[in-house]
């Protein structure tokens, strides 16, 4: 019953945490989130983004991160 190793999620919860990670203001992050410019989704009314996918998006290799 040994499958592939499970990958740990590096989640950022909330627009403020995402803004800190990107080095932008909360308002800038919220705008990007609302416009769908960065990989994130709302979970229970809060924005959530995977740190690895977020970094890959800005590096331009978003397709490489599953």
N, C-alpha and C. Protein backbone atom coordinates (compact mmCIF):
# COMPACT_ATOMS: atom_id res chain seq x y z
N UNK A 1 0.82 -1.19 0.00
CA UNK A 1 0.00 0.00 0.00
C UNK A 1 0.87 1.26 0.00
N UNK A 2 2.08 1.10 -0.49
CA UNK A 2 2.98 2.24 -0.59
C UNK A 2 2.81 2.90 -1.95
N UNK A 3 2.26 4.07 -1.96
CA UNK A 3 2.11 4.83 -3.19
C UNK A 3 3.21 5.85 -3.30
N UNK A 4 3.02 6.79 -4.22
CA UNK A 4 4.03 7.85 -4.35
C UNK A 4 4.07 8.69 -3.08
N UNK A 5 5.23 9.26 -2.76
CA UNK A 5 5.33 10.08 -1.55
C UNK A 5 4.38 11.28 -1.61
N UNK A 6 3.76 11.56 -0.49
CA UNK A 6 2.83 12.69 -0.45
C UNK A 6 3.61 13.99 -0.40
N UNK A 7 3.13 14.94 -1.19
CA UNK A 7 3.78 16.25 -1.25
C UNK A 7 3.13 17.18 -0.22
N UNK A 8 3.95 17.82 0.59
CA UNK A 8 3.44 18.74 1.59
C UNK A 8 2.94 20.01 0.90
N UNK A 9 1.79 20.48 1.32
CA UNK A 9 1.24 21.73 0.79
C UNK A 9 1.83 22.90 1.54
N UNK A 10 2.22 23.90 0.80
CA UNK A 10 2.73 25.14 1.40
C UNK A 10 1.70 26.22 1.11
N UNK A 11 0.65 26.23 1.91
CA UNK A 11 -0.45 27.14 1.65
C UNK A 11 -0.26 28.49 2.33
N UNK A 12 -0.67 29.51 1.61
CA UNK A 12 -0.73 30.87 2.16
C UNK A 12 -2.21 31.19 2.32
N UNK A 13 -2.59 31.55 3.52
CA UNK A 13 -3.99 31.84 3.81
C UNK A 13 -4.22 33.33 3.98
N UNK A 14 -5.10 33.89 3.18
CA UNK A 14 -5.48 35.28 3.27
C UNK A 14 -4.69 36.17 2.33
N UNK A 15 -5.34 37.23 1.88
CA UNK A 15 -4.72 38.17 0.95
C UNK A 15 -3.49 38.83 1.56
N UNK A 16 -3.50 39.05 2.86
CA UNK A 16 -2.37 39.68 3.53
C UNK A 16 -1.11 38.81 3.45
N UNK A 17 -1.27 37.51 3.70
CA UNK A 17 -0.13 36.58 3.62
C UNK A 17 0.38 36.48 2.18
N UNK A 18 -0.53 36.48 1.24
CA UNK A 18 -0.14 36.42 -0.18
C UNK A 18 0.58 37.70 -0.56
N UNK A 19 0.11 38.83 -0.08
CA UNK A 19 0.76 40.12 -0.36
C UNK A 19 2.18 40.13 0.20
N UNK A 20 2.35 39.65 1.43
CA UNK A 20 3.68 39.59 2.04
C UNK A 20 4.62 38.72 1.20
N UNK A 21 4.12 37.59 0.75
CA UNK A 21 4.94 36.66 -0.04
C UNK A 21 5.38 37.29 -1.36
N UNK A 22 4.50 38.10 -1.95
CA UNK A 22 4.80 38.74 -3.24
C UNK A 22 5.55 40.05 -3.09
N UNK A 23 5.54 40.61 -1.88
CA UNK A 23 6.20 41.90 -1.67
C UNK A 23 5.40 43.05 -2.25
N UNK A 24 4.07 42.94 -2.17
CA UNK A 24 3.19 44.00 -2.66
C UNK A 24 2.26 44.42 -1.52
N UNK A 25 1.52 45.49 -1.73
CA UNK A 25 0.57 45.93 -0.72
C UNK A 25 -0.62 44.98 -0.67
N UNK A 26 -1.35 45.01 0.43
CA UNK A 26 -2.56 44.21 0.55
C UNK A 26 -3.54 44.55 -0.56
N UNK A 27 -3.65 45.82 -0.85
CA UNK A 27 -4.59 46.27 -1.89
C UNK A 27 -4.20 45.72 -3.26
N UNK A 28 -2.89 45.75 -3.58
CA UNK A 28 -2.42 45.21 -4.86
C UNK A 28 -2.70 43.71 -4.95
N UNK A 29 -2.42 43.00 -3.86
CA UNK A 29 -2.66 41.55 -3.85
C UNK A 29 -4.15 41.26 -4.01
N UNK A 30 -4.98 41.99 -3.29
CA UNK A 30 -6.42 41.77 -3.37
C UNK A 30 -6.92 42.01 -4.79
N UNK A 31 -6.41 43.04 -5.44
CA UNK A 31 -6.81 43.32 -6.82
C UNK A 31 -6.41 42.17 -7.74
N UNK A 32 -5.17 41.69 -7.62
CA UNK A 32 -4.71 40.57 -8.45
C UNK A 32 -5.54 39.32 -8.19
N UNK A 33 -5.89 39.09 -6.94
CA UNK A 33 -6.71 37.93 -6.59
C UNK A 33 -8.10 38.05 -7.19
N UNK A 34 -8.74 39.18 -7.01
CA UNK A 34 -10.10 39.38 -7.52
C UNK A 34 -10.16 39.30 -9.04
N UNK A 35 -9.11 39.73 -9.71
CA UNK A 35 -9.08 39.71 -11.18
C UNK A 35 -8.62 38.36 -11.74
N UNK A 36 -8.19 37.45 -10.88
CA UNK A 36 -7.76 36.13 -11.32
C UNK A 36 -6.38 36.13 -11.96
N UNK A 37 -5.54 37.11 -11.60
CA UNK A 37 -4.21 37.23 -12.19
C UNK A 37 -3.18 36.31 -11.53
N UNK A 38 -3.50 35.75 -10.39
CA UNK A 38 -2.56 34.86 -9.72
C UNK A 38 -3.30 33.59 -9.31
N UNK A 39 -2.59 32.46 -9.23
CA UNK A 39 -3.25 31.20 -8.90
C UNK A 39 -3.67 31.14 -7.43
N UNK A 40 -4.95 31.26 -7.21
CA UNK A 40 -5.51 31.23 -5.86
C UNK A 40 -7.00 30.95 -5.98
N UNK A 41 -7.58 30.62 -4.85
CA UNK A 41 -9.03 30.43 -4.82
C UNK A 41 -9.55 30.78 -3.44
N UNK A 42 -10.84 31.01 -3.37
CA UNK A 42 -11.44 31.29 -2.08
C UNK A 42 -11.89 29.98 -1.45
N UNK A 43 -11.52 29.81 -0.19
CA UNK A 43 -11.92 28.65 0.59
C UNK A 43 -12.55 29.18 1.86
N UNK A 44 -13.82 28.92 2.02
CA UNK A 44 -14.51 29.41 3.21
C UNK A 44 -14.46 30.92 3.34
N UNK A 45 -14.47 31.62 2.22
CA UNK A 45 -14.46 33.08 2.23
C UNK A 45 -13.08 33.71 2.35
N UNK A 46 -12.02 32.88 2.44
CA UNK A 46 -10.64 33.39 2.53
C UNK A 46 -9.86 33.00 1.29
N UNK A 47 -9.00 33.89 0.86
CA UNK A 47 -8.13 33.56 -0.26
C UNK A 47 -7.07 32.58 0.20
N UNK A 48 -6.76 31.63 -0.67
CA UNK A 48 -5.76 30.62 -0.39
C UNK A 48 -4.94 30.38 -1.65
N UNK A 49 -3.62 30.31 -1.50
CA UNK A 49 -2.76 30.05 -2.64
C UNK A 49 -1.63 29.12 -2.22
N UNK A 50 -1.26 28.22 -3.09
CA UNK A 50 -0.13 27.34 -2.84
C UNK A 50 1.15 28.12 -3.15
N UNK A 51 2.05 28.16 -2.21
CA UNK A 51 3.27 28.96 -2.35
C UNK A 51 4.09 28.54 -3.57
N UNK A 52 4.20 27.24 -3.81
CA UNK A 52 4.99 26.75 -4.94
C UNK A 52 4.37 27.16 -6.28
N UNK A 53 3.04 27.06 -6.37
CA UNK A 53 2.35 27.46 -7.61
C UNK A 53 2.45 28.97 -7.82
N UNK A 54 2.39 29.72 -6.74
CA UNK A 54 2.50 31.17 -6.83
C UNK A 54 3.87 31.57 -7.36
N UNK A 55 4.92 30.96 -6.83
CA UNK A 55 6.27 31.26 -7.29
C UNK A 55 6.46 30.83 -8.75
N UNK A 56 5.95 29.65 -9.08
CA UNK A 56 6.07 29.15 -10.45
C UNK A 56 5.36 30.07 -11.43
N UNK A 57 4.23 30.62 -11.01
CA UNK A 57 3.46 31.53 -11.86
C UNK A 57 4.30 32.75 -12.26
N UNK A 58 5.00 33.31 -11.30
CA UNK A 58 5.78 34.51 -11.57
C UNK A 58 7.12 34.19 -12.24
N UNK A 59 7.59 32.96 -12.09
CA UNK A 59 8.79 32.54 -12.83
C UNK A 59 8.46 32.21 -14.28
N UNK A 60 7.18 31.99 -14.54
CA UNK A 60 6.76 31.67 -15.90
C UNK A 60 6.74 30.18 -16.18
N UNK A 61 6.88 29.37 -15.16
CA UNK A 61 6.84 27.92 -15.36
C UNK A 61 5.70 27.30 -14.57
N UNK A 62 4.55 27.97 -14.57
CA UNK A 62 3.39 27.51 -13.81
C UNK A 62 2.91 26.14 -14.26
N UNK A 63 3.13 25.77 -15.51
CA UNK A 63 2.69 24.47 -15.99
C UNK A 63 3.51 23.33 -15.41
N UNK A 64 4.69 23.65 -14.87
CA UNK A 64 5.59 22.63 -14.34
C UNK A 64 5.21 22.18 -12.93
N UNK A 65 4.34 22.93 -12.26
CA UNK A 65 3.95 22.61 -10.88
C UNK A 65 2.54 22.06 -10.90
N UNK A 66 2.39 20.82 -10.49
CA UNK A 66 1.06 20.17 -10.50
C UNK A 66 0.26 20.54 -9.27
